[in-house]
PDB file of N, CA and C in Angstrom:
ATOM      1  N   MET A   1     -23.390  32.199 -18.518  1.00  0.00           N
ATOM      2  CA  MET A   1     -22.287  33.128 -18.391  1.00  0.00           C
ATOM      3  C   MET A   1     -21.140  32.651 -19.296  1.00  0.00           C
ATOM      4  N   PRO A   2     -20.613  33.507 -20.164  1.00  0.00           N
ATOM      5  CA  PRO A   2     -19.517  33.096 -21.058  1.00  0.00           C
ATOM      6  C   PRO A   2     -18.223  32.882 -20.276  1.00  0.00           C
ATOM      7  N   ARG A   3     -17.458  31.921 -20.747  1.00  0.00           N
ATOM      8  CA  ARG A   3     -16.154  31.649 -20.133  1.00  0.00           C
ATOM      9  C   ARG A   3     -15.161  32.727 -20.530  1.00  0.00           C
ATOM     10  N   ARG A   4     -14.332  33.095 -19.560  1.00  0.00           N
ATOM     11  CA  ARG A   4     -13.246  34.028 -19.881  1.00  0.00           C
ATOM     12  C   ARG A   4     -12.087  33.249 -20.476  1.00  0.00           C
ATOM     13  N   LYS A   5     -11.452  33.845 -21.425  1.00  0.00           N
ATOM     14  CA  LYS A   5     -10.307  33.207 -22.043  1.00  0.00           C
ATOM     15  C   LYS A   5      -9.119  33.321 -21.086  1.00  0.00           C
ATOM     16  N   SER A   6      -8.562  32.178 -20.719  1.00  0.00           N
ATOM     17  CA  SER A   6      -7.453  32.207 -19.771  1.00  0.00           C
ATOM     18  C   SER A   6      -6.147  32.535 -20.504  1.00  0.00           C
ATOM     19  N   GLU A   7      -5.225  33.039 -19.756  1.00  0.00           N
ATOM     20  CA  GLU A   7      -3.903  33.335 -20.302  1.00  0.00           C
ATOM     21  C   GLU A   7      -3.178  32.027 -20.612  1.00  0.00           C
ATOM     22  N   PRO A   8      -2.415  31.981 -21.698  1.00  0.00           N
ATOM     23  CA  PRO A   8      -1.654  30.764 -21.994  1.00  0.00           C
ATOM     24  C   PRO A   8      -0.609  30.520 -20.894  1.00  0.00           C
ATOM     25  N   SER A   9      -0.413  29.249 -20.585  1.00  0.00           N
ATOM     26  CA  SER A   9       0.589  28.902 -19.580  1.00  0.00           C
ATOM     27  C   SER A   9       1.986  29.189 -20.134  1.00  0.00           C
ATOM     28  N   GLU A  10       2.962  29.156 -19.250  1.00  0.00           N
ATOM     29  CA  GLU A  10       4.345  29.377 -19.673  1.00  0.00           C
ATOM     30  C   GLU A  10       4.769  28.301 -20.673  1.00  0.00           C
ATOM     31  N   THR A  11       4.319  27.070 -20.428  1.00  0.00           N
ATOM     32  CA  THR A  11       4.628  25.971 -21.346  1.00  0.00           C
ATOM     33  C   THR A  11       4.046  26.247 -22.723  1.00  0.00           C
ATOM     34  N   ASP A  12       2.774  26.675 -22.772  1.00  0.00           N
ATOM     35  CA  ASP A  12       2.149  27.004 -24.055  1.00  0.00           C
ATOM     36  C   ASP A  12       2.884  28.128 -24.760  1.00  0.00           C
ATOM     37  N   GLN A  13       3.313  29.117 -24.012  1.00  0.00           N
ATOM     38  CA  GLN A  13       4.022  30.250 -24.604  1.00  0.00           C
ATOM     39  C   GLN A  13       5.337  29.809 -25.233  1.00  0.00           C
ATOM     40  N   ARG A  14       5.967  28.797 -24.671  1.00  0.00           N
ATOM     41  CA  ARG A  14       7.238  28.306 -25.219  1.00  0.00           C
ATOM     42  C   ARG A  14       7.026  27.331 -26.375  1.00  0.00           C
ATOM     43  N   LEU A  15       5.997  26.498 -26.265  1.00  0.00           N
ATOM     44  CA  LEU A  15       5.773  25.471 -27.294  1.00  0.00           C
ATOM     45  C   LEU A  15       5.108  25.999 -28.549  1.00  0.00           C
ATOM     46  N   ASN A  16       4.186  26.920 -28.421  1.00  0.00           N
ATOM     47  CA  ASN A  16       3.444  27.398 -29.588  1.00  0.00           C
ATOM     48  C   ASN A  16       4.340  27.902 -30.713  1.00  0.00           C
ATOM     49  N   PRO A  17       5.360  28.724 -30.450  1.00  0.00           N
ATOM     50  CA  PRO A  17       6.228  29.151 -31.557  1.00  0.00           C
ATOM     51  C   PRO A  17       6.982  27.982 -32.194  1.00  0.00           C
ATOM     52  N   LEU A  18       7.342  26.975 -31.404  1.00  0.00           N
ATOM     53  CA  LEU A  18       8.047  25.817 -31.963  1.00  0.00           C
ATOM     54  C   LEU A  18       7.143  24.984 -32.864  1.00  0.00           C
ATOM     55  N   LEU A  19       5.878  24.867 -32.487  1.00  0.00           N
ATOM     56  CA  LEU A  19       4.963  23.978 -33.192  1.00  0.00           C
ATOM     57  C   LEU A  19       4.217  24.625 -34.350  1.00  0.00           C
ATOM     58  N   GLN A  20       4.298  25.930 -34.501  1.00  0.00           N
ATOM     59  CA  GLN A  20       3.482  26.610 -35.509  1.00  0.00           C
ATOM     60  C   GLN A  20       3.810  26.204 -36.944  1.00  0.00           C
ATOM     61  N   HIS A  21       4.996  25.692 -37.203  1.00  0.00           N
ATOM     62  CA  HIS A  21       5.385  25.340 -38.566  1.00  0.00           C
ATOM     63  C   HIS A  21       5.175  23.860 -38.882  1.00  0.00           C
ATOM     64  N   TYR A  22       4.617  23.107 -37.939  1.00  0.00           N
ATOM     65  CA  TYR A  22       4.404  21.679 -38.129  1.00  0.00           C
ATOM     66  C   TYR A  22       2.914  21.403 -38.264  1.00  0.00           C
ATOM     67  N   SER A  23       2.537  20.663 -39.299  1.00  0.00           N
ATOM     68  CA  SER A  23       1.117  20.411 -39.533  1.00  0.00           C
ATOM     69  C   SER A  23       0.749  18.932 -39.444  1.00  0.00           C
ATOM     70  N   ARG A  24       1.737  18.037 -39.514  1.00  0.00           N
ATOM     71  CA  ARG A  24       1.450  16.605 -39.460  1.00  0.00           C
ATOM     72  C   ARG A  24       2.140  15.989 -38.242  1.00  0.00           C
ATOM     73  N   PRO A  25       1.517  14.989 -37.620  1.00  0.00           N
ATOM     74  CA  PRO A  25       2.113  14.361 -36.435  1.00  0.00           C
ATOM     75  C   PRO A  25       3.524  13.823 -36.679  1.00  0.00           C
ATOM     76  N   GLU A  26       3.765  13.262 -37.861  1.00  0.00           N
ATOM     77  CA  GLU A  26       5.092  12.702 -38.122  1.00  0.00           C
ATOM     78  C   GLU A  26       6.181  13.774 -38.166  1.00  0.00           C
ATOM     79  N   GLN A  27       5.813  15.018 -38.416  1.00  0.00           N
ATOM     80  CA  GLN A  27       6.788  16.103 -38.384  1.00  0.00           C
ATOM     81  C   GLN A  27       7.256  16.374 -36.949  1.00  0.00           C
ATOM     82  N   ILE A  28       6.448  16.003 -36.000  1.00  0.00           N
ATOM     83  CA  ILE A  28       6.794  16.208 -34.585  1.00  0.00           C
ATOM     84  C   ILE A  28       7.311  14.918 -33.977  1.00  0.00           C
ATOM     85  N   LEU A  29       6.652  13.787 -34.276  1.00  0.00           N
ATOM     86  CA  LEU A  29       6.948  12.527 -33.613  1.00  0.00           C
ATOM     87  C   LEU A  29       7.750  11.547 -34.446  1.00  0.00           C
ATOM     88  N   GLY A  30       7.965  11.833 -35.717  1.00  0.00           N
ATOM     89  CA  GLY A  30       8.636  10.905 -36.628  1.00  0.00           C
ATOM     90  C   GLY A  30      10.128  10.762 -36.371  1.00  0.00           C
ATOM     91  N   ASP A  31      10.773   9.929 -37.198  1.00  0.00           N
ATOM     92  CA  ASP A  31      12.200   9.636 -37.044  1.00  0.00           C
ATOM     93  C   ASP A  31      13.073  10.888 -37.080  1.00  0.00           C
ATOM     94  N   ASN A  32      12.705  11.866 -37.870  1.00  0.00           N
ATOM     95  CA  ASN A  32      13.467  13.118 -37.948  1.00  0.00           C
ATOM     96  C   ASN A  32      12.662  14.284 -37.405  1.00  0.00           C
ATOM     97  N   GLY A  33      11.694  13.980 -36.557  1.00  0.00           N
ATOM     98  CA  GLY A  33      10.791  15.004 -36.055  1.00  0.00           C
ATOM     99  C   GLY A  33      11.387  15.880 -34.969  1.00  0.00           C
ATOM    100  N   LEU A  34      10.614  16.873 -34.603  1.00  0.00           N
ATOM    101  CA  LEU A  34      11.027  17.853 -33.613  1.00  0.00           C
ATOM    102  C   LEU A  34      11.373  17.207 -32.276  1.00  0.00           C
ATOM    103  N   LEU A  35      10.589  16.237 -31.844  1.00  0.00           N
ATOM    104  CA  LEU A  35      10.846  15.595 -30.558  1.00  0.00           C
ATOM    105  C   LEU A  35      12.205  14.908 -30.542  1.00  0.00           C
ATOM    106  N   LYS A  36      12.553  14.221 -31.616  1.00  0.00           N
ATOM    107  CA  LYS A  36      13.864  13.556 -31.701  1.00  0.00           C
ATOM    108  C   LYS A  36      14.997  14.582 -31.708  1.00  0.00           C
ATOM    109  N   GLN A  37      14.756  15.738 -32.313  1.00  0.00           N
ATOM    110  CA  GLN A  37      15.788  16.770 -32.372  1.00  0.00           C
ATOM    111  C   GLN A  37      15.983  17.441 -31.017  1.00  0.00           C
ATOM    112  N   LEU A  38      14.891  17.600 -30.266  1.00  0.00           N
ATOM    113  CA  LEU A  38      14.976  18.295 -28.986  1.00  0.00           C
ATOM    114  C   LEU A  38      15.347  17.378 -27.824  1.00  0.00           C
ATOM    115  N   SER A  39      15.087  16.089 -27.926  1.00  0.00           N
ATOM    116  CA  SER A  39      15.355  15.167 -26.823  1.00  0.00           C
ATOM    117  C   SER A  39      16.808  15.195 -26.348  1.00  0.00           C
ATOM    118  N   PRO A  40      17.799  15.135 -27.233  1.00  0.00           N
ATOM    119  CA  PRO A  40      19.182  15.193 -26.744  1.00  0.00           C
ATOM    120  C   PRO A  40      19.485  16.499 -26.006  1.00  0.00           C
ATOM    121  N   LEU A  41      18.875  17.590 -26.438  1.00  0.00           N
ATOM    122  CA  LEU A  41      19.083  18.868 -25.754  1.00  0.00           C
ATOM    123  C   LEU A  41      18.514  18.837 -24.348  1.00  0.00           C
ATOM    124  N   ALA A  42      17.359  18.228 -24.194  1.00  0.00           N
ATOM    125  CA  ALA A  42      16.731  18.144 -22.877  1.00  0.00           C
ATOM    126  C   ALA A  42      17.583  17.316 -21.932  1.00  0.00           C
ATOM    127  N   TRP A  43      18.114  16.198 -22.407  1.00  0.00           N
ATOM    128  CA  TRP A  43      18.920  15.340 -21.547  1.00  0.00           C
ATOM    129  C   TRP A  43      20.268  15.979 -21.239  1.00  0.00           C
ATOM    130  N   SER A  44      20.831  16.737 -22.141  1.00  0.00           N
ATOM    131  CA  SER A  44      22.129  17.357 -21.883  1.00  0.00           C
ATOM    132  C   SER A  44      22.024  18.498 -20.895  1.00  0.00           C
ATOM    133  N   ASN A  45      20.827  19.071 -20.724  1.00  0.00           N
ATOM    134  CA  ASN A  45      20.617  20.176 -19.778  1.00  0.00           C
ATOM    135  C   ASN A  45      20.099  19.707 -18.434  1.00  0.00           C
ATOM    136  N   THR A  46      19.955  18.388 -18.243  1.00  0.00           N
ATOM    137  CA  THR A  46      19.464  17.853 -16.988  1.00  0.00           C
ATOM    138  C   THR A  46      20.620  17.744 -16.014  1.00  0.00           C
ATOM    139  N   PRO A  47      20.481  18.332 -14.829  1.00  0.00           N
ATOM    140  CA  PRO A  47      21.571  18.221 -13.865  1.00  0.00           C
ATOM    141  C   PRO A  47      21.771  16.772 -13.429  1.00  0.00           C
ATOM    142  N   SER A  48      23.009  16.351 -13.317  1.00  0.00           N
ATOM    143  CA  SER A  48      23.276  14.986 -12.898  1.00  0.00           C
ATOM    144  C   SER A  48      23.116  14.864 -11.396  1.00  0.00           C
ATOM    145  N   LYS A  49      22.716  13.677 -10.968  1.00  0.00           N
ATOM    146  CA  LYS A  49      22.529  13.414  -9.540  1.00  0.00           C
ATOM    147  C   LYS A  49      23.863  13.014  -8.928  1.00  0.00           C
ATOM    148  N   ALA A  50      24.137  13.541  -7.773  1.00  0.00           N
ATOM    149  CA  ALA A  50      25.358  13.172  -7.055  1.00  0.00           C
ATOM    150  C   ALA A  50      25.123  11.836  -6.361  1.00  0.00           C
ATOM    151  N   ASN A  51      26.066  10.913  -6.489  1.00  0.00           N
ATOM    152  CA  ASN A  51      25.918   9.597  -5.847  1.00  0.00           C
ATOM    153  C   ASN A  51      26.475   9.611  -4.475  1.00  0.00           C
TER     154      ASN A  51
END
């Protein structure tokens, strides 16, 4: 029985457009890569914990 193609997850739907223009790992993981550019944004949008 052939496998049905599953719908892309919400994460895949968000990441695929970001990653479509990158072809080498260093473009994503390198010193000036996408991950380094997005990391500060992720931390700035994290709610702070109340002490």
